[in-house]
Protein backbone atom coordinates (compact mmCIF):
# COMPACT_ATOMS: atom_id res chain seq x y z
CA MET A 1 11.47 14.46 25.64
CA PRO A 2 14.26 12.98 23.53
CA THR A 3 13.88 12.92 19.80
CA THR A 4 13.47 9.37 18.54
CA LYS A 5 13.98 8.20 14.99
CA ARG A 6 10.20 8.07 14.53
CA THR A 7 9.61 11.64 15.75
CA ALA A 8 12.59 12.86 13.69
CA ASP A 9 11.00 11.36 10.60
CA ALA A 10 7.66 12.98 11.52
CA LYS A 11 9.40 16.38 11.71
CA ARG A 12 10.75 15.95 8.17
CA ALA A 13 7.45 14.75 6.78
CA GLY A 14 6.12 17.33 4.31
CA PRO A 15 2.61 18.77 3.97
CA GLU A 16 1.90 16.50 1.01
CA SER A 17 1.91 13.49 3.38
CA GLY A 18 -0.32 15.16 5.91
CA GLY A 19 2.71 15.31 8.19
CA ARG A 20 2.96 11.53 8.31
CA PRO A 21 6.46 10.07 8.14
CA TRP A 22 5.54 7.14 5.89
CA THR A 23 3.70 6.90 2.56
CA LEU A 24 2.31 3.72 1.19
CA VAL A 25 1.70 3.82 -2.56
CA TYR A 26 -0.49 1.01 -3.90
CA ASP A 27 -2.58 0.01 -6.91
CA GLY A 28 -5.96 1.68 -6.38
CA SER A 29 -7.47 -0.35 -9.24
CA CYS A 30 -6.84 -3.59 -7.47
CA ASN A 31 -9.56 -4.54 -5.02
CA VAL A 32 -7.26 -6.97 -3.14
CA CYS A 33 -4.65 -4.23 -2.75
CA SER A 34 -7.31 -1.72 -1.58
CA ARG A 35 -8.64 -4.19 1.00
CA LEU A 36 -5.10 -4.86 2.26
CA VAL A 37 -4.49 -1.10 2.53
CA ARG A 38 -7.67 -0.61 4.59
CA ARG A 39 -6.44 -3.30 6.90
CA VAL A 40 -3.09 -1.56 7.22
CA GLN A 41 -4.87 1.73 7.95
CA ARG A 42 -6.87 0.04 10.75
CA TRP A 43 -3.61 -1.47 12.08
CA ASP A 44 -1.84 1.93 11.93
CA THR A 45 -3.25 3.15 15.25
CA ARG A 46 -0.53 5.86 15.57
CA HIS A 47 -1.57 7.27 12.15
CA VAL A 48 1.98 7.44 10.76
CA ILE A 49 1.20 6.00 7.28
CA GLN A 50 -0.42 7.93 4.51
CA ALA A 51 -1.90 5.55 1.89
CA ILE A 52 -2.22 6.88 -1.61
CA ALA A 53 -3.23 5.11 -4.83
CA SER A 54 -0.57 5.05 -7.56
CA GLN A 55 -3.21 6.45 -9.92
CA ASN A 56 -3.27 9.74 -7.98
CA ASP A 57 -1.94 12.59 -10.07
CA THR A 58 0.43 13.76 -7.27
CA VAL A 59 2.38 10.51 -6.99
CA SER A 60 4.85 11.00 -9.84
CA THR A 61 5.43 14.64 -8.71
CA ARG A 62 6.05 13.64 -5.07
CA PHE A 63 8.25 10.66 -5.96
CA PRO A 64 10.01 11.49 -9.21
CA TRP A 65 12.72 8.84 -8.68
CA ILE A 66 10.08 6.04 -9.12
CA SER A 67 8.95 5.40 -12.70
CA ARG A 68 5.24 5.11 -13.68
CA GLU A 69 5.99 1.52 -14.73
CA ALA A 70 7.43 0.63 -11.36
CA PHE A 71 4.27 1.91 -9.70
CA ASP A 72 2.28 -0.39 -11.99
CA GLU A 73 4.36 -3.35 -10.94
CA SER A 74 4.69 -2.98 -7.21
CA MET A 75 3.61 -1.27 -4.01
CA PHE A 76 6.01 1.16 -2.35
CA VAL A 77 6.69 2.41 1.15
CA ILE A 78 8.54 5.75 1.21
CA ALA A 79 9.94 7.39 4.32
CA ALA A 80 9.85 11.12 4.78
CA ASP A 81 13.62 11.24 4.08
CA GLY A 82 13.15 9.52 0.69
CA ARG A 83 14.17 5.97 1.62
CA THR A 84 12.14 3.63 -0.58
CA TRP A 85 11.13 -0.04 -0.36
CA SER A 86 9.07 -1.95 -2.93
CA GLY A 87 7.32 -5.25 -3.25
CA ALA A 88 7.99 -7.74 -0.41
CA ALA A 89 10.54 -5.37 1.13
CA ALA A 90 7.75 -2.78 1.39
CA ALA A 91 5.55 -5.37 3.11
CA ARG A 92 8.39 -6.10 5.56
CA GLN A 93 8.89 -2.43 6.19
CA LEU A 94 5.16 -2.00 6.86
CA LEU A 95 5.40 -4.73 9.51
CA ARG A 96 8.26 -2.78 11.13
CA ILE A 97 6.12 0.33 11.24
CA VAL A 98 2.74 -0.85 12.49
CA PRO A 99 2.25 -1.76 16.12
CA PHE A 100 2.93 -5.44 16.82
CA GLY A 101 3.94 -5.99 13.18
CA TRP A 102 7.01 -7.80 14.47
CA LEU A 103 4.66 -10.68 15.33
CA LEU A 104 4.48 -11.43 11.61
CA GLY A 105 7.80 -9.81 10.65
CA TRP A 106 9.82 -12.46 12.43
CA LEU A 107 9.11 -14.70 9.45
CA TRP A 108 11.65 -12.76 7.40
CA GLY A 109 14.34 -14.06 9.77
CA LEU A 110 13.62 -17.64 8.82
CA PRO A 111 15.99 -19.22 6.33
CA THR A 112 14.94 -18.54 2.70
CA PHE A 113 11.69 -16.82 3.76
CA GLY A 114 12.82 -13.47 2.33
CA ALA A 115 13.53 -14.94 -1.08
CA LEU A 116 10.21 -16.84 -1.04
CA ALA A 117 8.34 -13.74 0.01
CA ASP A 118 9.87 -11.78 -2.82
CA ARG A 119 8.97 -14.44 -5.37
CA GLY A 120 5.48 -14.78 -3.92
CA TYR A 121 4.95 -11.02 -4.06
CA ARG A 122 6.03 -10.85 -7.67
CA LEU A 123 3.72 -13.70 -8.59
CA PHE A 124 0.83 -11.99 -6.74
CA ALA A 125 1.53 -8.63 -8.35
CA ARG A 126 1.52 -10.07 -11.86
CA SER A 127 -1.79 -11.92 -11.20
CA ARG A 128 -3.51 -9.57 -8.79
CA TYR A 129 -6.47 -8.80 -11.03
CA ARG A 130 -7.33 -12.49 -11.07
CA PHE A 131 -7.75 -12.43 -7.25
CA GLY A 132 -10.16 -9.45 -7.20
CA CYS A 133 -12.02 -7.25 -9.57
CA GLY A 134 -10.16 -4.54 -11.39
CA GLU A 135 -11.27 -1.85 -13.84
CA HIS A 136 -13.50 -4.35 -15.68
CA CYS A 137 -15.81 -4.42 -12.64
CA ALA A 138 -15.95 -0.62 -12.25
CA ILE A 139 -18.95 -0.43 -14.57
CA ALA A 140 -21.91 -1.84 -12.73
CA PRO A 141 -24.58 -3.51 -14.92
CA VAL A 142 -27.76 -1.55 -15.25
CA ALA A 143 -30.41 -2.98 -12.95
CA PRO A 144 -33.71 -4.00 -14.62
CA PRO A 145 -36.68 -1.77 -13.87
CA PRO A 146 -38.68 -2.79 -10.80
CA LEU A 147 -41.59 -5.11 -11.39
CA THR A 148 -44.96 -3.45 -11.18
CA PRO A 149 -48.12 -5.37 -10.24
CA SER A 150 -50.25 -6.13 -13.19
CA GLU A 151 -53.82 -4.94 -13.31
């Protein structure tokens, strides 16, 4: 069987990635981001993407060329060989990786869509906690005690 680019990447994937050739780093504190990552994981039927929250202690060790601040500002897709995409470019790369992603990826070929996608991603990234709960929702309110029948 000939070695394809995808299988070559898989052979270079390290144990930190579970042998997967692609790593998706996202904001685990953002509920919208977490929901989107769960959708990507369902779409990744070949199981080639490892998703990891940027808050994970191993992220800065595995990807030292990406600053902590950059992880706070954007999602990243990193190939086993170190190629790195962020923001809207990472979203486009994800569409290239997942089966049938080209069905949505063709949009990047439309005039000005790439620039609009980049601006839209930056706007979303800055405002993402307004679209879903963040750390402020992590502490659930204490439920009142159950009502007991009076005698």
